[in-house]
C-alpha cells in the first residue's frame, strides 16, 4: 500500500497574459526564488473545489514539462497543492 503524500496550500506568484477580451492565461508559476515553471499548455479551466487542501476557485489544468498539474485562482490569488 502506497503512503499518500501530505500536501499544503501554497500561494504562488504567477505571470499571466491577458487577451483583448480580458481573459487571462497563466504563463509561468514562480514556485520559489529558485524555481519558475513555464506552463506549456492549459487544457481545461473550470470552477472547482480543491479537495486535498481546501479552497474553491477557478481551476486551471496545466501541462508543465509533460506533467499535468492544477493551479487555482481564488479571491485574486493563485495557489497550488505543494508537497510538505
Protein backbone atom coordinates (compact mmCIF):
# COMPACT_ATOMS: atom_id res chain seq x y z
CA UNK A 1 0.00 0.00 0.00
CA UNK A 2 1.39 3.39 -1.03
CA UNK A 3 1.57 6.16 1.55
CA UNK A 4 -0.28 9.29 0.45
CA UNK A 5 1.87 12.41 0.33
CA UNK A 6 0.95 15.27 2.63
CA UNK A 7 0.02 18.43 0.75
CA UNK A 8 -0.35 22.06 1.73
CA UNK A 9 -1.95 25.07 0.11
CA UNK A 10 0.82 27.33 -1.17
CA UNK A 11 0.12 30.76 -2.65
CA UNK A 12 2.46 31.47 -5.55
CA UNK A 13 3.25 34.35 -7.90
CA UNK A 14 2.03 33.68 -11.45
CA UNK A 15 2.85 35.56 -14.64
CA UNK A 16 -0.37 35.98 -16.62
CA UNK A 17 -1.18 37.05 -20.18
CA UNK A 18 -4.42 38.90 -20.91
CA UNK A 19 -6.03 38.78 -24.34
CA UNK A 20 -8.03 41.58 -25.99
CA UNK A 21 -11.24 40.24 -24.41
CA UNK A 22 -9.77 40.45 -20.90
CA UNK A 23 -9.37 36.69 -20.48
CA UNK A 24 -6.32 35.66 -18.51
CA UNK A 25 -3.98 32.76 -19.17
CA UNK A 26 -1.32 31.71 -16.68
CA UNK A 27 2.11 31.53 -18.34
CA UNK A 28 4.71 30.96 -15.60
CA UNK A 29 4.41 29.71 -12.00
CA UNK A 30 7.11 31.12 -9.73
CA UNK A 31 7.18 28.41 -7.07
CA UNK A 32 10.05 29.98 -5.15
CA UNK A 33 13.11 32.12 -5.89
CA UNK A 34 14.96 29.20 -7.49
CA UNK A 35 12.08 27.52 -9.33
CA UNK A 36 9.94 29.06 -12.07
CA UNK A 37 7.94 26.74 -14.33
CA UNK A 38 6.69 27.65 -17.79
CA UNK A 39 3.17 26.40 -18.47
CA UNK A 40 3.30 24.60 -21.81
CA UNK A 41 -0.46 24.35 -22.26
CA UNK A 42 -3.72 24.98 -20.38
CA UNK A 43 -6.00 22.03 -21.15
CA UNK A 44 -9.02 22.98 -19.02
CA UNK A 45 -10.45 25.83 -16.99
CA UNK A 46 -13.44 25.38 -14.66
CA UNK A 47 -14.81 26.34 -11.26
CA UNK A 48 -13.80 23.63 -8.80
CA UNK A 49 -13.02 22.85 -5.18
CA UNK A 50 -9.59 21.72 -4.08
CA UNK A 51 -10.36 18.58 -2.07
CA UNK A 52 -6.92 17.95 -0.56
CA UNK A 53 -6.01 21.38 0.82
CA UNK A 54 -9.30 23.30 0.75
CA UNK A 55 -10.41 26.25 -1.27
CA UNK A 56 -12.71 26.94 -4.18
CA UNK A 57 -11.94 28.92 -7.30
CA UNK A 58 -11.13 28.69 -10.96
CA UNK A 59 -9.03 25.57 -11.52
CA UNK A 60 -6.61 25.58 -14.45
CA UNK A 61 -5.40 22.19 -15.63
CA UNK A 62 -1.89 22.84 -16.90
CA UNK A 63 0.79 20.84 -18.67
CA UNK A 64 4.29 21.59 -17.34
CA UNK A 65 7.21 19.56 -18.70
CA UNK A 66 4.86 16.73 -19.69
CA UNK A 67 3.18 16.60 -16.26
CA UNK A 68 -0.45 17.53 -15.62
CA UNK A 69 -0.87 19.85 -12.64
CA UNK A 70 -3.60 22.04 -11.18
CA UNK A 71 -3.40 25.74 -10.48
CA UNK A 72 -6.22 27.59 -8.70
CA UNK A 73 -7.22 31.23 -8.87
CA UNK A 74 -9.08 32.04 -5.64
CA UNK A 75 -10.07 35.51 -4.44
CA UNK A 76 -7.47 37.25 -6.64
CA UNK A 77 -4.61 34.94 -5.55
CA UNK A 78 -3.06 31.85 -7.14
CA UNK A 79 -2.32 28.64 -5.27
CA UNK A 80 -1.06 25.11 -5.85
CA UNK A 81 -1.08 21.89 -3.84
CA UNK A 82 2.53 21.66 -2.66
CA UNK A 83 4.28 18.73 -1.04
CA UNK A 84 5.02 19.33 2.63
